[in-house]
Amino acid sequence: MRKLLLIAALTLSGCSAIPSFWDDNENNVIVEIVQDVKEIDCTKPDYIGLYKAQSRTEWLIQYSTLKGSRDVRSMSNKIKETIDPFAQKARSGNMSSTYCVLRKKILEQDTERVAKAMLGRF
């Protein structure tokens, strides 16, 4: 009886509560984003890892939007909220090493959480 109720609830809700399924492209790019963030070197002024991570995050948002993966798009937007001000500060040339280290740590935590969520899908 409970199974019948669950099936009916999912049918009536339009299956909007079901997360998107495994996608090699999404999973590949989130791993690359995690790696790019780890490569951010706060002692060098070029911040290549940061800019690569920002670009890949934009790609992931665009891809998940076109694919219709609302859950992935939502998680990617959370990364964007952290990475955009960080990259803007880096581009201004007005970033202290302490700010860089703290933002990098936050970004590492955010990207790793998103990666674990995405890679844990079936």
C-alpha atoms as a PDB file:
ATOM      1  CA  MET A   1       0.000   0.000   0.000  1.00  0.00           C
ATOM      2  CA  ARG A   2       2.842   2.396   0.832  1.00  0.00           C
ATOM      3  CA  LYS A   3       4.504   1.646  -2.476  1.00  0.00           C
ATOM      4  CA  LEU A   4       1.293   2.459  -4.279  1.00  0.00           C
ATOM      5  CA  LEU A   5       1.044   5.780  -2.451  1.00  0.00           C
ATOM      6  CA  LEU A   6       4.663   6.599  -3.289  1.00  0.00           C
ATOM      7  CA  ILE A   7       4.122   5.806  -6.972  1.00  0.00           C
ATOM      8  CA  ALA A   8       0.961   7.902  -7.025  1.00  0.00           C
ATOM      9  CA  ALA A   9       2.711  10.822  -5.320  1.00  0.00           C
ATOM     10  CA  LEU A  10       5.591  10.734  -7.809  1.00  0.00           C
ATOM     11  CA  THR A  11       3.215  10.503 -10.739  1.00  0.00           C
ATOM     12  CA  LEU A  12       1.129  13.418  -9.546  1.00  0.00           C
ATOM     13  CA  SER A  13       4.161  15.567  -8.755  1.00  0.00           C
ATOM     14  CA  GLY A  14       5.492  15.122 -12.266  1.00  0.00           C
ATOM     15  CA  CYS A  15       8.602  13.398 -10.942  1.00  0.00           C
ATOM     16  CA  SER A  16      10.114  16.796 -10.116  1.00  0.00           C
ATOM     17  CA  ALA A  17      11.470  15.424  -6.851  1.00  0.00           C
ATOM     18  CA  ILE A  18      13.614  12.821  -8.592  1.00  0.00           C
ATOM     19  CA  PRO A  19      17.236  13.959  -9.051  1.00  0.00           C
ATOM     20  CA  SER A  20      18.831  13.784 -12.465  1.00  0.00           C
ATOM     21  CA  PHE A  21      20.757  10.658 -13.316  1.00  0.00           C
ATOM     22  CA  TRP A  22      24.407   9.928 -14.004  1.00  0.00           C
ATOM     23  CA  ASP A  23      25.919  12.019 -16.767  1.00  0.00           C
ATOM     24  CA  ASP A  24      29.542  11.515 -17.810  1.00  0.00           C
ATOM     25  CA  ASN A  25      29.938  15.103 -19.010  1.00  0.00           C
ATOM     26  CA  GLU A  26      28.648  16.670 -15.790  1.00  0.00           C
ATOM     27  CA  ASN A  27      30.685  14.327 -13.630  1.00  0.00           C
ATOM     28  CA  ASN A  28      33.853  14.868 -15.620  1.00  0.00           C
ATOM     29  CA  VAL A  29      33.640  18.642 -15.414  1.00  0.00           C
ATOM     30  CA  ILE A  30      32.905  18.730 -11.664  1.00  0.00           C
ATOM     31  CA  VAL A  31      36.042  16.654 -11.038  1.00  0.00           C
ATOM     32  CA  GLU A  32      37.993  19.094 -13.223  1.00  0.00           C
ATOM     33  CA  ILE A  33      36.571  22.025 -11.231  1.00  0.00           C
ATOM     34  CA  VAL A  34      37.668  20.401  -7.960  1.00  0.00           C
ATOM     35  CA  GLN A  35      41.145  19.872  -9.418  1.00  0.00           C
ATOM     36  CA  ASP A  36      41.340  23.460 -10.751  1.00  0.00           C
ATOM     37  CA  VAL A  37      40.451  24.844  -7.325  1.00  0.00           C
ATOM     38  CA  LYS A  38      43.144  22.716  -5.683  1.00  0.00           C
ATOM     39  CA  GLU A  39      45.650  24.162  -8.169  1.00  0.00           C
ATOM     40  CA  ILE A  40      44.978  27.773  -7.147  1.00  0.00           C
ATOM     41  CA  ASP A  41      48.319  29.130  -5.954  1.00  0.00           C
ATOM     42  CA  CYS A  42      47.820  32.141  -3.702  1.00  0.00           C
ATOM     43  CA  THR A  43      51.522  33.036  -3.929  1.00  0.00           C
ATOM     44  CA  LYS A  44      51.362  33.702  -7.680  1.00  0.00           C
ATOM     45  CA  PRO A  45      49.388  36.559  -9.211  1.00  0.00           C
ATOM     46  CA  ASP A  46      48.159  34.642 -12.272  1.00  0.00           C
ATOM     47  CA  TYR A  47      45.421  32.549 -10.538  1.00  0.00           C
ATOM     48  CA  ILE A  48      45.112  30.239 -13.549  1.00  0.00           C
ATOM     49  CA  GLY A  49      43.326  27.524 -11.559  1.00  0.00           C
ATOM     50  CA  LEU A  50      40.729  30.042 -10.407  1.00  0.00           C
ATOM     51  CA  TYR A  51      39.947  31.253 -13.913  1.00  0.00           C
ATOM     52  CA  LYS A  52      39.774  27.700 -15.267  1.00  0.00           C
ATOM     53  CA  ALA A  53      37.420  26.686 -12.455  1.00  0.00           C
ATOM     54  CA  GLN A  54      35.236  29.726 -13.148  1.00  0.00           C
ATOM     55  CA  SER A  55      35.073  28.925 -16.867  1.00  0.00           C
ATOM     56  CA  ARG A  56      34.228  25.270 -16.236  1.00  0.00           C
ATOM     57  CA  THR A  57      31.554  26.282 -13.721  1.00  0.00           C
ATOM     58  CA  GLU A  58      29.947  28.477 -16.381  1.00  0.00           C
ATOM     59  CA  TRP A  59      30.066  25.537 -18.796  1.00  0.00           C
ATOM     60  CA  LEU A  60      28.438  23.237 -16.225  1.00  0.00           C
ATOM     61  CA  ILE A  61      25.654  25.744 -15.577  1.00  0.00           C
ATOM     62  CA  GLN A  62      24.991  26.134 -19.299  1.00  0.00           C
ATOM     63  CA  TYR A  63      25.091  22.380 -19.931  1.00  0.00           C
ATOM     64  CA  SER A  64      22.814  21.528 -17.014  1.00  0.00           C
ATOM     65  CA  THR A  65      20.384  24.274 -18.055  1.00  0.00           C
ATOM     66  CA  LEU A  66      20.168  22.964 -21.618  1.00  0.00           C
ATOM     67  CA  LYS A  67      19.891  19.367 -20.383  1.00  0.00           C
ATOM     68  CA  GLY A  68      17.246  20.250 -17.826  1.00  0.00           C
ATOM     69  CA  SER A  69      19.196  19.032 -14.775  1.00  0.00           C
ATOM     70  CA  ARG A  70      17.724  21.394 -12.195  1.00  0.00           C
ATOM     71  CA  ASP A  71      19.590  19.800  -9.301  1.00  0.00           C
ATOM     72  CA  VAL A  72      22.992  20.118 -10.991  1.00  0.00           C
ATOM     73  CA  ARG A  73      22.235  23.678 -12.100  1.00  0.00           C
ATOM     74  CA  SER A  74      21.275  24.610  -8.538  1.00  0.00           C
ATOM     75  CA  MET A  75      24.483  23.134  -7.108  1.00  0.00           C
ATOM     76  CA  SER A  76      26.575  24.779  -9.830  1.00  0.00           C
ATOM     77  CA  ASN A  77      25.029  28.146  -9.069  1.00  0.00           C
ATOM     78  CA  LYS A  78      26.180  27.766  -5.457  1.00  0.00           C
ATOM     79  CA  ILE A  79      29.750  27.354  -6.712  1.00  0.00           C
ATOM     80  CA  LYS A  80      29.281  30.386  -8.968  1.00  0.00           C
ATOM     81  CA  GLU A  81      28.188  32.487  -5.984  1.00  0.00           C
ATOM     82  CA  THR A  82      31.538  31.759  -4.331  1.00  0.00           C
ATOM     83  CA  ILE A  83      33.823  31.784  -7.347  1.00  0.00           C
ATOM     84  CA  ASP A  84      32.662  34.958  -9.125  1.00  0.00           C
ATOM     85  CA  PRO A  85      33.533  37.455  -6.354  1.00  0.00           C
ATOM     86  CA  PHE A  86      36.822  35.597  -5.828  1.00  0.00           C
ATOM     87  CA  ALA A  87      37.743  35.882  -9.519  1.00  0.00           C
ATOM     88  CA  GLN A  88      36.613  39.518  -9.647  1.00  0.00           C
ATOM     89  CA  LYS A  89      38.869  40.352  -6.708  1.00  0.00           C
ATOM     90  CA  ALA A  90      41.774  38.504  -8.373  1.00  0.00           C
ATOM     91  CA  ARG A  91      41.270  40.407 -11.639  1.00  0.00           C
ATOM     92  CA  SER A  92      41.312  43.720  -9.783  1.00  0.00           C
ATOM     93  CA  GLY A  93      44.815  42.931  -8.518  1.00  0.00           C
ATOM     94  CA  ASN A  94      43.677  43.951  -5.074  1.00  0.00           C
ATOM     95  CA  MET A  95      43.666  40.560  -3.349  1.00  0.00           C
ATOM     96  CA  SER A  96      45.657  39.768  -0.228  1.00  0.00           C
ATOM     97  CA  SER A  97      47.142  36.316   0.229  1.00  0.00           C
ATOM     98  CA  THR A  98      45.030  35.830   3.373  1.00  0.00           C
ATOM     99  CA  TYR A  99      41.831  36.550   1.455  1.00  0.00           C
ATOM    100  CA  CYS A 100      42.954  34.155  -1.289  1.00  0.00           C
ATOM    101  CA  VAL A 101      43.722  31.335   1.158  1.00  0.00           C
ATOM    102  CA  LEU A 102      40.384  31.725   2.958  1.00  0.00           C
ATOM    103  CA  ARG A 103      38.329  31.926  -0.263  1.00  0.00           C
ATOM    104  CA  LYS A 104      40.195  28.955  -1.719  1.00  0.00           C
ATOM    105  CA  LYS A 105      39.402  26.888   1.387  1.00  0.00           C
ATOM    106  CA  ILE A 106      35.691  27.763   1.147  1.00  0.00           C
ATOM    107  CA  LEU A 107      35.684  26.993  -2.573  1.00  0.00           C
ATOM    108  CA  GLU A 108      37.419  23.653  -1.989  1.00  0.00           C
ATOM    109  CA  GLN A 109      34.738  22.675   0.518  1.00  0.00           C
ATOM    110  CA  ASP A 110      31.923  23.798  -1.782  1.00  0.00           C
ATOM    111  CA  THR A 111      33.242  22.024  -4.876  1.00  0.00           C
ATOM    112  CA  GLU A 112      34.006  18.809  -3.005  1.00  0.00           C
ATOM    113  CA  ARG A 113      30.475  18.706  -1.550  1.00  0.00           C
ATOM    114  CA  VAL A 114      28.947  19.247  -4.972  1.00  0.00           C
ATOM    115  CA  ALA A 115      31.233  16.622  -6.530  1.00  0.00           C
ATOM    116  CA  LYS A 116      30.286  14.045  -3.896  1.00  0.00           C
ATOM    117  CA  ALA A 117      26.594  14.748  -4.469  1.00  0.00           C
ATOM    118  CA  MET A 118      26.917  14.515  -8.246  1.00  0.00           C
ATOM    119  CA  LEU A 119      29.151  11.450  -8.269  1.00  0.00           C
ATOM    120  CA  GLY A 120      26.840   9.713  -5.805  1.00  0.00           C
ATOM    121  CA  ARG A 121      23.953   9.686  -8.269  1.00  0.00           C
ATOM    122  CA  PHE A 122      23.009   6.438 -10.004  1.00  0.00           C
END
